Amino acid sequence: MAIKLAKSEFTTIPEGEHTFKIVEVEYKADFGKMIITMATKTGLKHVERYSLIKTNGETNEGALKAFSFMAKTALNDFALDEIDENDLVGCYLKGVVTHSKTPSTKNPDKMMTFTNLSDIEPALGFEDAGNEDAEGYDPLDDI
């Protein structure tokens, strides 16, 4: 019996300003790993990863500060002291995407492109979304 495979198309998010909806948050408390999956209105995905605990068990202050800023920005509440990570799902962020290119560690002849998100600020939704911005809209449904 033959199984039809899904098409595998990976598209790098173009450089420039984009609005993202946080669609999934995964926290592995034992390892201190926070994984935030975001999507643009068109369904392009971006993942931010934070290692909140160092390998020696100490708090990774730099990562914690970066995550805290992202979380407070997404929730548009800079007075927060703590959150449940699932509070982030459904929140919107606006930020600037840039690319950095480096040679692959496995094949130095091949260049790797990394997507970086900076200059984040709160967003109320997809600015040009029309009525697709309504509650319950998931950009991943359009993929």
N, C-alpha and C. Protein backbone atom coordinates (compact mmCIF):
# COMPACT_ATOMS: atom_id res chain seq x y z
N MET A 1 0.85 -1.18 0.00
CA MET A 1 0.00 0.00 0.00
C MET A 1 0.90 1.24 0.00
N ALA A 2 0.61 2.17 -0.85
CA ALA A 2 1.39 3.41 -0.94
C ALA A 2 0.73 4.48 -0.07
N ILE A 3 1.56 5.25 0.61
CA ILE A 3 1.08 6.35 1.44
C ILE A 3 1.49 7.65 0.78
N LYS A 4 0.51 8.49 0.55
CA LYS A 4 0.80 9.78 -0.07
C LYS A 4 1.42 10.69 0.98
N LEU A 5 2.55 11.27 0.66
CA LEU A 5 3.25 12.14 1.59
C LEU A 5 2.86 13.59 1.36
N ALA A 6 2.89 14.36 2.42
CA ALA A 6 2.58 15.78 2.33
C ALA A 6 3.72 16.50 1.64
N LYS A 7 3.37 17.56 0.94
CA LYS A 7 4.40 18.39 0.32
C LYS A 7 5.15 19.13 1.41
N SER A 8 6.44 19.18 1.26
CA SER A 8 7.27 19.86 2.24
C SER A 8 7.80 21.14 1.63
N GLU A 9 7.19 22.24 2.02
CA GLU A 9 7.61 23.53 1.51
C GLU A 9 7.99 24.40 2.69
N PHE A 10 9.26 24.80 2.74
CA PHE A 10 9.71 25.69 3.79
C PHE A 10 9.99 27.05 3.17
N THR A 11 9.40 28.07 3.74
CA THR A 11 9.61 29.42 3.25
C THR A 11 10.15 30.27 4.39
N THR A 12 11.28 30.91 4.14
CA THR A 12 11.84 31.82 5.12
C THR A 12 11.00 33.09 5.14
N ILE A 13 10.70 33.58 6.32
CA ILE A 13 9.94 34.82 6.44
C ILE A 13 10.79 35.95 5.87
N PRO A 14 10.25 36.74 4.96
CA PRO A 14 11.04 37.82 4.36
C PRO A 14 11.46 38.86 5.40
N GLU A 15 12.57 39.51 5.14
CA GLU A 15 13.02 40.57 6.03
C GLU A 15 12.01 41.71 6.00
N GLY A 16 11.89 42.39 7.13
CA GLY A 16 10.97 43.53 7.23
C GLY A 16 10.09 43.40 8.46
N GLU A 17 9.16 44.33 8.59
CA GLU A 17 8.26 44.33 9.74
C GLU A 17 7.09 43.38 9.50
N HIS A 18 6.80 42.56 10.51
CA HIS A 18 5.71 41.59 10.43
C HIS A 18 4.95 41.55 11.74
N THR A 19 3.68 41.15 11.66
CA THR A 19 2.88 40.89 12.85
C THR A 19 2.72 39.39 12.98
N PHE A 20 2.89 38.90 14.21
CA PHE A 20 2.81 37.47 14.50
C PHE A 20 1.75 37.20 15.55
N LYS A 21 1.10 36.06 15.42
CA LYS A 21 0.21 35.56 16.46
C LYS A 21 0.90 34.38 17.11
N ILE A 22 0.94 34.36 18.42
CA ILE A 22 1.53 33.22 19.14
C ILE A 22 0.51 32.09 19.08
N VAL A 23 0.89 30.99 18.45
CA VAL A 23 -0.05 29.90 18.23
C VAL A 23 0.24 28.68 19.11
N GLU A 24 1.45 28.61 19.68
CA GLU A 24 1.78 27.47 20.54
C GLU A 24 2.92 27.85 21.48
N VAL A 25 2.82 27.38 22.71
CA VAL A 25 3.88 27.57 23.69
C VAL A 25 4.14 26.23 24.35
N GLU A 26 5.41 25.84 24.35
CA GLU A 26 5.80 24.58 24.99
C GLU A 26 6.89 24.88 26.00
N TYR A 27 6.65 24.50 27.25
CA TYR A 27 7.64 24.71 28.30
C TYR A 27 8.04 23.36 28.88
N LYS A 28 9.31 23.05 28.78
CA LYS A 28 9.86 21.82 29.35
C LYS A 28 10.57 22.22 30.64
N ALA A 29 9.81 22.21 31.75
CA ALA A 29 10.30 22.73 33.02
C ALA A 29 11.54 22.00 33.51
N ASP A 30 11.64 20.69 33.30
CA ASP A 30 12.80 19.94 33.77
C ASP A 30 14.10 20.42 33.14
N PHE A 31 14.00 20.94 31.91
CA PHE A 31 15.18 21.39 31.19
C PHE A 31 15.26 22.90 31.06
N GLY A 32 14.20 23.60 31.48
CA GLY A 32 14.16 25.05 31.37
C GLY A 32 14.05 25.55 29.95
N LYS A 33 13.44 24.76 29.07
CA LYS A 33 13.33 25.11 27.65
C LYS A 33 11.93 25.68 27.36
N MET A 34 11.91 26.89 26.83
CA MET A 34 10.66 27.54 26.43
C MET A 34 10.69 27.69 24.92
N ILE A 35 9.65 27.18 24.26
CA ILE A 35 9.57 27.24 22.80
C ILE A 35 8.26 27.95 22.44
N ILE A 36 8.40 29.09 21.75
CA ILE A 36 7.25 29.90 21.37
C ILE A 36 7.11 29.82 19.85
N THR A 37 5.98 29.31 19.38
CA THR A 37 5.72 29.23 17.94
C THR A 37 4.74 30.33 17.56
N MET A 38 5.15 31.12 16.57
CA MET A 38 4.33 32.23 16.09
C MET A 38 4.06 32.04 14.61
N ALA A 39 3.02 32.71 14.12
CA ALA A 39 2.70 32.64 12.70
C ALA A 39 2.24 33.99 12.20
N THR A 40 2.58 34.27 10.96
CA THR A 40 2.09 35.48 10.31
C THR A 40 0.67 35.24 9.83
N LYS A 41 0.04 36.27 9.33
CA LYS A 41 -1.32 36.15 8.79
C LYS A 41 -1.37 35.10 7.68
N THR A 42 -0.30 35.00 6.89
CA THR A 42 -0.28 34.05 5.78
C THR A 42 0.18 32.66 6.20
N GLY A 43 0.46 32.47 7.49
CA GLY A 43 0.82 31.15 7.98
C GLY A 43 2.30 30.84 8.02
N LEU A 44 3.17 31.81 7.71
CA LEU A 44 4.60 31.56 7.83
C LEU A 44 4.95 31.47 9.31
N LYS A 45 5.72 30.46 9.68
CA LYS A 45 6.03 30.23 11.09
C LYS A 45 7.39 30.80 11.48
N HIS A 46 7.46 31.22 12.74
CA HIS A 46 8.71 31.63 13.36
C HIS A 46 8.72 31.04 14.76
N VAL A 47 9.86 30.51 15.17
CA VAL A 47 9.99 29.91 16.49
C VAL A 47 11.07 30.63 17.27
N GLU A 48 10.74 31.02 18.49
CA GLU A 48 11.70 31.60 19.43
C GLU A 48 11.94 30.56 20.52
N ARG A 49 13.22 30.31 20.82
CA ARG A 49 13.59 29.33 21.84
C ARG A 49 14.37 30.03 22.94
N TYR A 50 14.04 29.71 24.18
CA TYR A 50 14.73 30.29 25.32
C TYR A 50 15.19 29.15 26.24
N SER A 51 16.47 29.15 26.58
CA SER A 51 17.02 28.18 27.55
C SER A 51 17.09 28.91 28.88
N LEU A 52 16.07 28.73 29.71
CA LEU A 52 15.96 29.49 30.95
C LEU A 52 16.83 28.95 32.08
N ILE A 53 17.33 27.72 31.91
CA ILE A 53 18.20 27.12 32.92
C ILE A 53 19.48 26.66 32.23
N LYS A 54 20.61 27.02 32.83
CA LYS A 54 21.91 26.60 32.30
C LYS A 54 22.12 25.12 32.59
N THR A 55 23.10 24.52 31.92
CA THR A 55 23.37 23.09 32.12
C THR A 55 23.79 22.78 33.55
N ASN A 56 24.32 23.77 34.28
CA ASN A 56 24.72 23.54 35.67
C ASN A 56 23.54 23.73 36.64
N GLY A 57 22.34 24.01 36.12
CA GLY A 57 21.15 24.13 36.95
C GLY A 57 20.84 25.55 37.39
N GLU A 58 21.72 26.49 37.12
CA GLU A 58 21.49 27.88 37.50
C GLU A 58 20.56 28.56 36.49
N THR A 59 19.90 29.61 36.94
CA THR A 59 19.04 30.39 36.06
C THR A 59 19.89 31.11 35.03
N ASN A 60 19.45 31.05 33.78
CA ASN A 60 20.11 31.77 32.70
C ASN A 60 19.49 33.16 32.65
N GLU A 61 20.12 34.11 33.34
CA GLU A 61 19.55 35.45 33.49
C GLU A 61 19.30 36.15 32.16
N GLY A 62 20.22 36.03 31.21
CA GLY A 62 20.04 36.67 29.91
C GLY A 62 18.82 36.14 29.19
N ALA A 63 18.66 34.83 29.16
CA ALA A 63 17.50 34.23 28.49
C ALA A 63 16.21 34.58 29.23
N LEU A 64 16.27 34.60 30.56
CA LEU A 64 15.08 34.94 31.35
C LEU A 64 14.66 36.38 31.08
N LYS A 65 15.62 37.29 30.99
CA LYS A 65 15.29 38.69 30.68
C LYS A 65 14.69 38.81 29.28
N ALA A 66 15.27 38.11 28.31
CA ALA A 66 14.76 38.17 26.93
C ALA A 66 13.34 37.60 26.87
N PHE A 67 13.12 36.44 27.52
CA PHE A 67 11.79 35.85 27.53
C PHE A 67 10.80 36.76 28.25
N SER A 68 11.20 37.32 29.39
CA SER A 68 10.32 38.19 30.16
C SER A 68 9.88 39.39 29.34
N PHE A 69 10.82 40.00 28.62
CA PHE A 69 10.47 41.14 27.78
C PHE A 69 9.49 40.72 26.69
N MET A 70 9.74 39.58 26.05
CA MET A 70 8.84 39.10 25.00
C MET A 70 7.45 38.83 25.58
N ALA A 71 7.38 38.18 26.74
CA ALA A 71 6.09 37.84 27.35
C ALA A 71 5.32 39.10 27.76
N LYS A 72 6.00 40.04 28.40
CA LYS A 72 5.34 41.28 28.81
C LYS A 72 4.88 42.08 27.60
N THR A 73 5.67 42.05 26.54
CA THR A 73 5.29 42.75 25.31
C THR A 73 4.08 42.09 24.67
N ALA A 74 4.09 40.77 24.57
CA ALA A 74 2.96 40.05 23.97
C ALA A 74 1.67 40.29 24.74
N LEU A 75 1.78 40.31 26.07
CA LEU A 75 0.60 40.52 26.92
C LEU A 75 0.29 42.01 27.11
N ASN A 76 1.20 42.87 26.62
CA ASN A 76 1.06 44.32 26.75
C ASN A 76 0.84 44.72 28.20
N ASP A 77 1.63 44.12 29.11
CA ASP A 77 1.54 44.41 30.54
C ASP A 77 2.94 44.30 31.13
N PHE A 78 3.59 45.45 31.28
CA PHE A 78 4.97 45.45 31.75
C PHE A 78 5.08 45.44 33.27
N ALA A 79 3.95 45.35 33.97
CA ALA A 79 3.96 45.28 35.43
C ALA A 79 3.90 43.83 35.93
N LEU A 80 3.80 42.86 35.02
CA LEU A 80 3.67 41.47 35.42
C LEU A 80 4.92 40.95 36.14
N ASP A 81 4.69 40.11 37.16
CA ASP A 81 5.79 39.45 37.86
C ASP A 81 5.89 37.98 37.47
N GLU A 82 4.77 37.40 37.06
CA GLU A 82 4.77 36.00 36.63
C GLU A 82 3.57 35.76 35.73
N ILE A 83 3.69 34.70 34.93
CA ILE A 83 2.60 34.33 34.02
C ILE A 83 2.52 32.81 33.94
N ASP A 84 1.42 32.32 33.44
CA ASP A 84 1.31 30.95 32.99
C ASP A 84 1.66 31.01 31.51
N GLU A 85 2.57 30.17 31.06
CA GLU A 85 3.04 30.28 29.67
C GLU A 85 1.90 30.20 28.66
N ASN A 86 0.81 29.51 29.00
CA ASN A 86 -0.31 29.38 28.07
C ASN A 86 -1.08 30.68 27.89
N ASP A 87 -0.84 31.67 28.78
CA ASP A 87 -1.46 32.99 28.62
C ASP A 87 -0.99 33.66 27.33
N LEU A 88 0.16 33.24 26.82
CA LEU A 88 0.72 33.86 25.62
C LEU A 88 0.02 33.43 24.34
N VAL A 89 -0.60 32.24 24.36
CA VAL A 89 -1.26 31.73 23.15
C VAL A 89 -2.41 32.67 22.77
N GLY A 90 -2.38 33.11 21.52
CA GLY A 90 -3.41 34.01 21.01
C GLY A 90 -2.99 35.47 21.04
N CYS A 91 -1.85 35.77 21.69
CA CYS A 91 -1.35 37.15 21.73
C CYS A 91 -0.64 37.48 20.42
N TYR A 92 -0.56 38.78 20.13
CA TYR A 92 0.08 39.26 18.91
C TYR A 92 1.31 40.11 19.24
N LEU A 93 2.29 40.03 18.38
CA LEU A 93 3.50 40.85 18.46
C LEU A 93 3.81 41.40 17.09
N LYS A 94 4.39 42.58 17.07
CA LYS A 94 4.90 43.14 15.83
C LYS A 94 6.41 43.25 16.01
N GLY A 95 7.18 42.89 14.99
CA GLY A 95 8.62 42.98 15.10
C GLY A 95 9.28 43.04 13.74
N VAL A 96 10.58 43.24 13.77
CA VAL A 96 11.37 43.33 12.56
C VAL A 96 12.15 42.04 12.35
N VAL A 97 11.96 41.44 11.20
CA VAL A 97 12.66 40.20 10.84
C VAL A 97 13.91 40.57 10.04
N THR A 98 15.04 40.03 10.47
CA THR A 98 16.29 40.16 9.72
C THR A 98 16.86 38.76 9.53
N HIS A 99 17.72 38.63 8.55
CA HIS A 99 18.36 37.34 8.28
C HIS A 99 19.85 37.47 8.56
N SER A 100 20.41 36.41 9.11
CA SER A 100 21.86 36.32 9.23
C SER A 100 22.28 35.03 8.54
N LYS A 101 23.35 35.10 7.80
CA LYS A 101 23.81 33.94 7.04
C LYS A 101 25.19 33.54 7.53
N THR A 102 25.34 32.24 7.77
CA THR A 102 26.63 31.69 8.20
C THR A 102 26.86 30.36 7.48
N PRO A 103 28.12 29.97 7.30
CA PRO A 103 28.39 28.68 6.68
C PRO A 103 27.88 27.53 7.57
N SER A 104 27.39 26.50 6.94
CA SER A 104 26.91 25.32 7.66
C SER A 104 28.09 24.64 8.36
N THR A 105 27.86 24.16 9.57
CA THR A 105 28.91 23.43 10.29
C THR A 105 29.11 22.04 9.69
N LYS A 106 28.09 21.53 9.00
CA LYS A 106 28.20 20.20 8.39
C LYS A 106 28.79 20.27 6.98
N ASN A 107 28.51 21.36 6.27
CA ASN A 107 29.00 21.53 4.91
C ASN A 107 29.38 23.00 4.71
N PRO A 108 30.66 23.34 4.89
CA PRO A 108 31.08 24.74 4.81
C PRO A 108 30.79 25.42 3.47
N ASP A 109 30.51 24.64 2.42
CA ASP A 109 30.17 25.22 1.13
C ASP A 109 28.71 25.68 1.06
N LYS A 110 27.92 25.28 2.06
CA LYS A 110 26.51 25.62 2.10
C LYS A 110 26.28 26.71 3.14
N MET A 111 25.49 27.72 2.78
CA MET A 111 25.16 28.80 3.70
C MET A 111 23.83 28.51 4.39
N MET A 112 23.79 28.79 5.67
CA MET A 112 22.56 28.64 6.46
C MET A 112 21.98 30.03 6.70
N THR A 113 20.67 30.17 6.59
CA THR A 113 20.00 31.44 6.85
C THR A 113 19.21 31.31 8.15
N PHE A 114 19.48 32.21 9.09
CA PHE A 114 18.77 32.24 10.36
C PHE A 114 17.88 33.47 10.38
N THR A 115 16.66 33.28 10.87
CA THR A 115 15.69 34.36 10.96
C THR A 115 15.72 34.92 12.38
N ASN A 116 15.93 36.23 12.48
CA ASN A 116 16.00 36.89 13.79
C ASN A 116 14.85 37.88 13.90
N LEU A 117 14.23 37.90 15.08
CA LEU A 117 13.12 38.82 15.35
C LEU A 117 13.59 39.83 16.39
N SER A 118 13.47 41.11 16.07
CA SER A 118 13.90 42.15 17.00
C SER A 118 12.90 43.30 16.99
N ASP A 119 13.16 44.28 17.83
CA ASP A 119 12.32 45.49 17.91
C ASP A 119 10.85 45.13 18.08
N ILE A 120 10.56 44.18 18.99
CA ILE A 120 9.17 43.75 19.15
C ILE A 120 8.37 44.77 19.94
N GLU A 121 7.09 44.81 19.62
CA GLU A 121 6.15 45.68 20.32
C GLU A 121 4.79 44.99 20.30
N PRO A 122 3.90 45.39 21.22
CA PRO A 122 2.57 44.77 21.25
C PRO A 122 1.80 45.06 19.96
N ALA A 123 0.91 44.16 19.62
CA ALA A 123 0.01 44.34 18.49
C ALA A 123 -1.36 43.83 18.89
N LEU A 124 -2.39 44.45 18.35
CA LEU A 124 -3.76 44.05 18.68
C LEU A 124 -4.27 42.94 17.79
N GLY A 125 -3.59 42.71 16.68
CA GLY A 125 -4.01 41.69 15.73
C GLY A 125 -3.28 41.93 14.43
N PHE A 126 -3.71 41.25 13.41
CA PHE A 126 -3.13 41.46 12.09
C PHE A 126 -3.74 42.75 11.54
N GLU A 127 -2.92 43.75 11.33
CA GLU A 127 -3.40 45.09 10.99
C GLU A 127 -4.26 45.13 9.74
N ASP A 128 -3.90 44.35 8.72
CA ASP A 128 -4.65 44.39 7.47
C ASP A 128 -5.51 43.14 7.31
N ALA A 129 -5.90 42.55 8.42
CA ALA A 129 -6.59 41.26 8.36
C ALA A 129 -8.07 41.37 8.05
N GLY A 130 -8.65 42.55 8.13
CA GLY A 130 -10.09 42.65 7.93
C GLY A 130 -10.80 41.87 9.01
N ASN A 131 -11.83 41.12 8.67
CA ASN A 131 -12.56 40.38 9.68
C ASN A 131 -11.90 39.05 10.02
N GLU A 132 -10.79 38.69 9.37
CA GLU A 132 -10.09 37.46 9.74
C GLU A 132 -9.43 37.60 11.10
N ASP A 133 -9.39 38.82 11.61
CA ASP A 133 -8.76 39.09 12.89
C ASP A 133 -9.68 38.72 14.05
N ALA A 134 -10.85 38.21 13.74
CA ALA A 134 -11.82 37.89 14.78
C ALA A 134 -11.31 36.80 15.71
N GLU A 135 -11.86 36.77 16.89
CA GLU A 135 -11.49 35.77 17.90
C GLU A 135 -11.60 34.37 17.31
N GLY A 136 -10.62 33.55 17.57
CA GLY A 136 -10.63 32.19 17.09
C GLY A 136 -9.93 31.99 15.76
N TYR A 137 -9.56 33.07 15.07
CA TYR A 137 -8.85 32.93 13.81
C TYR A 137 -7.47 32.38 14.06
N ASP A 138 -7.11 31.35 13.37
CA ASP A 138 -5.78 30.75 13.50
C ASP A 138 -5.14 30.76 12.12
N PRO A 139 -4.03 31.50 11.95
CA PRO A 139 -3.42 31.57 10.63
C PRO A 139 -2.95 30.22 10.12
N LEU A 140 -2.71 29.28 11.01
CA LEU A 140 -2.25 27.96 10.57
C LEU A 140 -3.37 27.17 9.90
N ASP A 141 -4.62 27.58 10.12
CA ASP A 141 -5.73 26.91 9.44
C ASP A 141 -5.68 27.14 7.92
N ASP A 142 -5.01 28.23 7.51
CA ASP A 142 -4.95 28.58 6.10
C ASP A 142 -3.85 27.85 5.34
N ILE A 143 -3.05 27.09 6.05
CA ILE A 143 -1.91 26.41 5.41
C ILE A 143 -2.38 25.14 4.74
